[in-house]
Amino acid sequence: MEEQIKLVWSPRASDMLEDIHEYISEYSLKAAYKYIDGIYNSVAKLEKYLESCSPCKNSKLNAEGFRCCLYRNHIIVYEFIQNQVEILAVIYSKIDPDRMIDLIG
């Protein structure tokens, strides 16, 4: 029997999603909901395919063993520990790469 993988959003990642939604909703509420749904859908696959996203290209994130999914203009950083995928951060892809590790917390 295959073990169930649980997808968990860290408080920081949840806050980041709220910030993204708030920013986009200033222009279009419909677009904001669509964008956030896209992020959720892109990480939902991790419950079945843990390695569907690659190790992070950012050397500091990679050194920590994090994996990254890309959704449009954002990088979704996660780690897998004992049947649990924890989404750690949702980071704007144009941010200074040296600051990315600081945003994980």
N, C-alpha and C. Protein backbone atom coordinates (compact mmCIF):
# COMPACT_ATOMS: atom_id res chain seq x y z
N MET A 1 0.82 -1.18 0.00
CA MET A 1 0.00 0.00 0.00
C MET A 1 0.87 1.26 0.00
N GLU A 2 0.53 2.18 -0.87
CA GLU A 2 1.29 3.41 -1.00
C GLU A 2 0.96 4.38 0.14
N GLU A 3 2.00 4.99 0.73
CA GLU A 3 1.78 5.92 1.82
C GLU A 3 1.25 7.25 1.29
N GLN A 4 0.34 7.84 2.05
CA GLN A 4 -0.26 9.11 1.67
C GLN A 4 0.72 10.25 1.97
N ILE A 5 0.92 11.11 1.00
CA ILE A 5 1.77 12.28 1.16
C ILE A 5 0.88 13.46 1.54
N LYS A 6 1.28 14.18 2.56
CA LYS A 6 0.51 15.33 3.03
C LYS A 6 1.20 16.60 2.55
N LEU A 7 0.42 17.51 2.01
CA LEU A 7 0.91 18.81 1.55
C LEU A 7 0.57 19.85 2.61
N VAL A 8 1.59 20.54 3.13
CA VAL A 8 1.42 21.51 4.21
C VAL A 8 2.04 22.85 3.79
N TRP A 9 1.30 23.92 4.06
CA TRP A 9 1.80 25.27 3.78
C TRP A 9 2.31 25.87 5.07
N SER A 10 3.55 26.33 5.08
CA SER A 10 4.08 27.01 6.27
C SER A 10 3.34 28.33 6.44
N PRO A 11 3.32 28.86 7.66
CA PRO A 11 2.70 30.17 7.87
C PRO A 11 3.32 31.25 6.97
N ARG A 12 4.62 31.19 6.80
CA ARG A 12 5.30 32.19 5.95
C ARG A 12 4.82 32.09 4.51
N ALA A 13 4.73 30.87 3.98
CA ALA A 13 4.28 30.70 2.61
C ALA A 13 2.83 31.16 2.45
N SER A 14 2.00 30.88 3.45
CA SER A 14 0.61 31.34 3.42
C SER A 14 0.53 32.86 3.41
N ASP A 15 1.37 33.49 4.22
CA ASP A 15 1.42 34.96 4.23
C ASP A 15 1.86 35.50 2.88
N MET A 16 2.82 34.84 2.27
CA MET A 16 3.30 35.27 0.96
C MET A 16 2.18 35.18 -0.09
N LEU A 17 1.39 34.09 -0.01
CA LEU A 17 0.26 33.95 -0.93
C LEU A 17 -0.74 35.09 -0.74
N GLU A 18 -1.01 35.44 0.50
CA GLU A 18 -1.92 36.54 0.79
C GLU A 18 -1.40 37.85 0.19
N ASP A 19 -0.10 38.08 0.33
CA ASP A 19 0.51 39.29 -0.23
C ASP A 19 0.38 39.33 -1.75
N ILE A 20 0.61 38.18 -2.38
CA ILE A 20 0.49 38.10 -3.85
C ILE A 20 -0.95 38.38 -4.26
N HIS A 21 -1.88 37.76 -3.55
CA HIS A 21 -3.30 37.98 -3.86
C HIS A 21 -3.68 39.45 -3.71
N GLU A 22 -3.23 40.05 -2.62
CA GLU A 22 -3.54 41.45 -2.36
C GLU A 22 -2.97 42.35 -3.46
N TYR A 23 -1.74 42.09 -3.86
CA TYR A 23 -1.10 42.91 -4.90
C TYR A 23 -1.85 42.80 -6.23
N ILE A 24 -2.13 41.57 -6.66
CA ILE A 24 -2.80 41.37 -7.96
C ILE A 24 -4.23 41.89 -7.92
N SER A 25 -4.90 41.75 -6.77
CA SER A 25 -6.30 42.17 -6.68
C SER A 25 -6.45 43.69 -6.80
N GLU A 26 -5.37 44.44 -6.62
CA GLU A 26 -5.43 45.89 -6.84
C GLU A 26 -5.76 46.19 -8.30
N TYR A 27 -5.41 45.26 -9.18
CA TYR A 27 -5.66 45.42 -10.61
C TYR A 27 -6.89 44.64 -11.07
N SER A 28 -7.03 43.43 -10.52
CA SER A 28 -8.16 42.59 -10.91
C SER A 28 -8.35 41.47 -9.88
N LEU A 29 -9.51 41.46 -9.25
CA LEU A 29 -9.80 40.42 -8.26
C LEU A 29 -9.88 39.05 -8.92
N LYS A 30 -10.46 39.00 -10.09
CA LYS A 30 -10.57 37.73 -10.83
C LYS A 30 -9.18 37.18 -11.16
N ALA A 31 -8.29 38.05 -11.62
CA ALA A 31 -6.93 37.63 -11.96
C ALA A 31 -6.18 37.14 -10.72
N ALA A 32 -6.43 37.80 -9.58
CA ALA A 32 -5.76 37.41 -8.34
C ALA A 32 -6.16 36.00 -7.94
N TYR A 33 -7.47 35.72 -7.98
CA TYR A 33 -7.93 34.37 -7.64
C TYR A 33 -7.40 33.33 -8.62
N LYS A 34 -7.37 33.68 -9.88
CA LYS A 34 -6.87 32.76 -10.91
C LYS A 34 -5.38 32.45 -10.70
N TYR A 35 -4.61 33.47 -10.35
CA TYR A 35 -3.18 33.29 -10.14
C TYR A 35 -2.92 32.40 -8.92
N ILE A 36 -3.63 32.67 -7.83
CA ILE A 36 -3.45 31.86 -6.61
C ILE A 36 -3.89 30.42 -6.86
N ASP A 37 -4.99 30.23 -7.57
CA ASP A 37 -5.42 28.87 -7.94
C ASP A 37 -4.35 28.17 -8.76
N GLY A 38 -3.70 28.89 -9.64
CA GLY A 38 -2.62 28.32 -10.44
C GLY A 38 -1.46 27.85 -9.58
N ILE A 39 -1.14 28.62 -8.56
CA ILE A 39 -0.07 28.21 -7.64
C ILE A 39 -0.48 26.94 -6.90
N TYR A 40 -1.70 26.93 -6.37
CA TYR A 40 -2.17 25.73 -5.67
C TYR A 40 -2.16 24.50 -6.59
N ASN A 41 -2.61 24.66 -7.80
CA ASN A 41 -2.65 23.54 -8.74
C ASN A 41 -1.25 23.07 -9.11
N SER A 42 -0.31 23.99 -9.20
CA SER A 42 1.05 23.58 -9.58
C SER A 42 1.74 22.77 -8.48
N VAL A 43 1.38 23.01 -7.21
CA VAL A 43 2.00 22.24 -6.13
C VAL A 43 1.18 21.00 -5.76
N ALA A 44 -0.07 20.94 -6.16
CA ALA A 44 -0.91 19.78 -5.83
C ALA A 44 -0.32 18.49 -6.39
N LYS A 45 0.37 18.58 -7.52
CA LYS A 45 0.96 17.39 -8.13
C LYS A 45 2.03 16.75 -7.25
N LEU A 46 2.56 17.52 -6.31
CA LEU A 46 3.62 17.00 -5.44
C LEU A 46 3.12 15.89 -4.53
N GLU A 47 1.82 15.83 -4.28
CA GLU A 47 1.27 14.77 -3.43
C GLU A 47 1.44 13.40 -4.09
N LYS A 48 1.50 13.38 -5.41
CA LYS A 48 1.69 12.11 -6.11
C LYS A 48 3.08 11.98 -6.72
N TYR A 49 3.65 13.10 -7.14
CA TYR A 49 4.93 13.08 -7.83
C TYR A 49 5.90 14.02 -7.13
N LEU A 50 6.54 13.52 -6.08
CA LEU A 50 7.40 14.35 -5.23
C LEU A 50 8.53 15.04 -5.98
N GLU A 51 9.03 14.39 -6.98
CA GLU A 51 10.18 14.94 -7.68
C GLU A 51 9.79 15.57 -9.01
N SER A 52 8.52 15.99 -9.13
CA SER A 52 8.09 16.61 -10.38
C SER A 52 8.68 18.01 -10.55
N CYS A 53 9.16 18.58 -9.47
CA CYS A 53 9.87 19.85 -9.54
C CYS A 53 11.35 19.57 -9.26
N SER A 54 12.19 20.39 -9.82
CA SER A 54 13.63 20.12 -9.74
C SER A 54 14.26 20.71 -8.48
N PRO A 55 15.49 20.26 -8.19
CA PRO A 55 16.24 20.93 -7.12
C PRO A 55 16.38 22.41 -7.50
N CYS A 56 16.43 23.27 -6.53
CA CYS A 56 16.50 24.71 -6.79
C CYS A 56 17.77 25.07 -7.55
N LYS A 57 17.64 25.98 -8.49
CA LYS A 57 18.80 26.48 -9.23
C LYS A 57 19.64 27.42 -8.38
N ASN A 58 19.01 28.07 -7.43
CA ASN A 58 19.71 28.95 -6.52
C ASN A 58 20.64 28.10 -5.65
N SER A 59 21.93 28.40 -5.66
CA SER A 59 22.91 27.54 -4.98
C SER A 59 22.68 27.46 -3.47
N LYS A 60 22.25 28.55 -2.85
CA LYS A 60 22.01 28.52 -1.40
C LYS A 60 20.80 27.66 -1.05
N LEU A 61 19.74 27.77 -1.84
CA LEU A 61 18.56 26.94 -1.60
C LEU A 61 18.87 25.47 -1.88
N ASN A 62 19.62 25.24 -2.94
CA ASN A 62 20.00 23.88 -3.31
C ASN A 62 20.86 23.23 -2.22
N ALA A 63 21.78 24.00 -1.65
CA ALA A 63 22.66 23.48 -0.59
C ALA A 63 21.85 23.05 0.63
N GLU A 64 20.69 23.66 0.84
CA GLU A 64 19.83 23.29 1.97
C GLU A 64 18.95 22.09 1.63
N GLY A 65 19.00 21.64 0.38
CA GLY A 65 18.22 20.49 -0.03
C GLY A 65 16.79 20.81 -0.46
N PHE A 66 16.51 22.09 -0.66
CA PHE A 66 15.17 22.49 -1.08
C PHE A 66 14.96 22.21 -2.55
N ARG A 67 13.70 22.02 -2.91
CA ARG A 67 13.30 21.87 -4.31
C ARG A 67 12.43 23.06 -4.66
N CYS A 68 12.35 23.37 -5.94
CA CYS A 68 11.61 24.56 -6.39
C CYS A 68 10.72 24.23 -7.58
N CYS A 69 9.49 24.73 -7.50
CA CYS A 69 8.57 24.69 -8.63
C CYS A 69 8.46 26.13 -9.14
N LEU A 70 8.33 26.27 -10.41
CA LEU A 70 8.15 27.59 -10.98
C LEU A 70 6.71 27.72 -11.45
N TYR A 71 6.06 28.78 -11.02
CA TYR A 71 4.74 29.11 -11.54
C TYR A 71 4.78 30.56 -11.99
N ARG A 72 4.72 30.75 -13.28
CA ARG A 72 4.75 32.07 -13.90
C ARG A 72 5.87 32.92 -13.32
N ASN A 73 5.57 33.93 -12.50
CA ASN A 73 6.60 34.84 -11.98
C ASN A 73 7.04 34.51 -10.56
N HIS A 74 6.71 33.31 -10.09
CA HIS A 74 7.05 32.96 -8.71
C HIS A 74 7.72 31.60 -8.61
N ILE A 75 8.59 31.51 -7.64
CA ILE A 75 9.28 30.26 -7.32
C ILE A 75 8.68 29.73 -6.02
N ILE A 76 8.22 28.51 -6.06
CA ILE A 76 7.62 27.87 -4.89
C ILE A 76 8.68 26.93 -4.31
N VAL A 77 9.12 27.24 -3.11
CA VAL A 77 10.20 26.48 -2.46
C VAL A 77 9.58 25.50 -1.47
N TYR A 78 10.02 24.24 -1.56
CA TYR A 78 9.48 23.23 -0.65
C TYR A 78 10.54 22.23 -0.25
N GLU A 79 10.21 21.45 0.78
CA GLU A 79 11.06 20.34 1.19
C GLU A 79 10.17 19.16 1.53
N PHE A 80 10.75 17.98 1.42
CA PHE A 80 10.03 16.74 1.71
C PHE A 80 10.66 16.09 2.93
N ILE A 81 9.83 15.89 3.95
CA ILE A 81 10.30 15.25 5.18
C ILE A 81 9.22 14.28 5.65
N GLN A 82 9.55 13.00 5.71
CA GLN A 82 8.68 11.96 6.26
C GLN A 82 7.22 12.08 5.81
N ASN A 83 6.96 11.77 4.57
CA ASN A 83 5.61 11.75 4.01
C ASN A 83 4.90 13.11 4.03
N GLN A 84 5.67 14.16 4.13
CA GLN A 84 5.07 15.49 4.15
C GLN A 84 5.85 16.43 3.23
N VAL A 85 5.14 17.11 2.37
CA VAL A 85 5.72 18.15 1.54
C VAL A 85 5.35 19.47 2.20
N GLU A 86 6.36 20.21 2.64
CA GLU A 86 6.07 21.51 3.24
C GLU A 86 6.47 22.61 2.28
N ILE A 87 5.48 23.43 1.93
CA ILE A 87 5.73 24.59 1.09
C ILE A 87 6.27 25.66 2.03
N LEU A 88 7.50 26.10 1.75
CA LEU A 88 8.18 27.02 2.66
C LEU A 88 8.04 28.48 2.26
N ALA A 89 7.97 28.73 0.95
CA ALA A 89 7.92 30.12 0.49
C ALA A 89 7.44 30.18 -0.94
N VAL A 90 6.87 31.33 -1.28
CA VAL A 90 6.48 31.64 -2.66
C VAL A 90 7.15 32.98 -2.96
N ILE A 91 8.20 32.93 -3.75
CA ILE A 91 9.10 34.08 -3.93
C ILE A 91 9.01 34.60 -5.37
N TYR A 92 8.94 35.92 -5.49
CA TYR A 92 8.97 36.56 -6.81
C TYR A 92 10.28 36.20 -7.48
N SER A 93 10.20 35.72 -8.71
CA SER A 93 11.38 35.17 -9.39
C SER A 93 12.44 36.21 -9.75
N LYS A 94 12.09 37.48 -9.75
CA LYS A 94 13.06 38.53 -10.12
C LYS A 94 13.82 39.09 -8.92
N ILE A 95 13.55 38.56 -7.73
CA ILE A 95 14.23 39.05 -6.54
C ILE A 95 15.71 38.67 -6.60
N ASP A 96 16.53 39.42 -5.92
CA ASP A 96 17.96 39.15 -5.84
C ASP A 96 18.16 37.72 -5.32
N PRO A 97 18.81 36.86 -6.09
CA PRO A 97 19.00 35.46 -5.67
C PRO A 97 19.68 35.30 -4.31
N ASP A 98 20.53 36.24 -3.94
CA ASP A 98 21.21 36.15 -2.65
C ASP A 98 20.26 36.39 -1.47
N ARG A 99 19.11 37.01 -1.73
CA ARG A 99 18.12 37.27 -0.67
C ARG A 99 17.12 36.14 -0.50
N MET A 100 17.07 35.22 -1.45
CA MET A 100 16.03 34.18 -1.42
C MET A 100 16.10 33.32 -0.16
N ILE A 101 17.28 32.93 0.25
CA ILE A 101 17.41 32.06 1.43
C ILE A 101 16.88 32.78 2.68
N ASP A 102 17.05 34.09 2.74
CA ASP A 102 16.57 34.87 3.89
C ASP A 102 15.05 34.88 3.97
N LEU A 103 14.37 34.70 2.84
CA LEU A 103 12.92 34.73 2.81
C LEU A 103 12.30 33.40 3.27
N ILE A 104 13.09 32.36 3.37
CA ILE A 104 12.58 31.07 3.79
C ILE A 104 12.32 31.08 5.30
N GLY A 105 13.20 31.72 6.03
CA GLY A 105 13.02 31.86 7.48
C GLY A 105 13.37 30.63 8.18
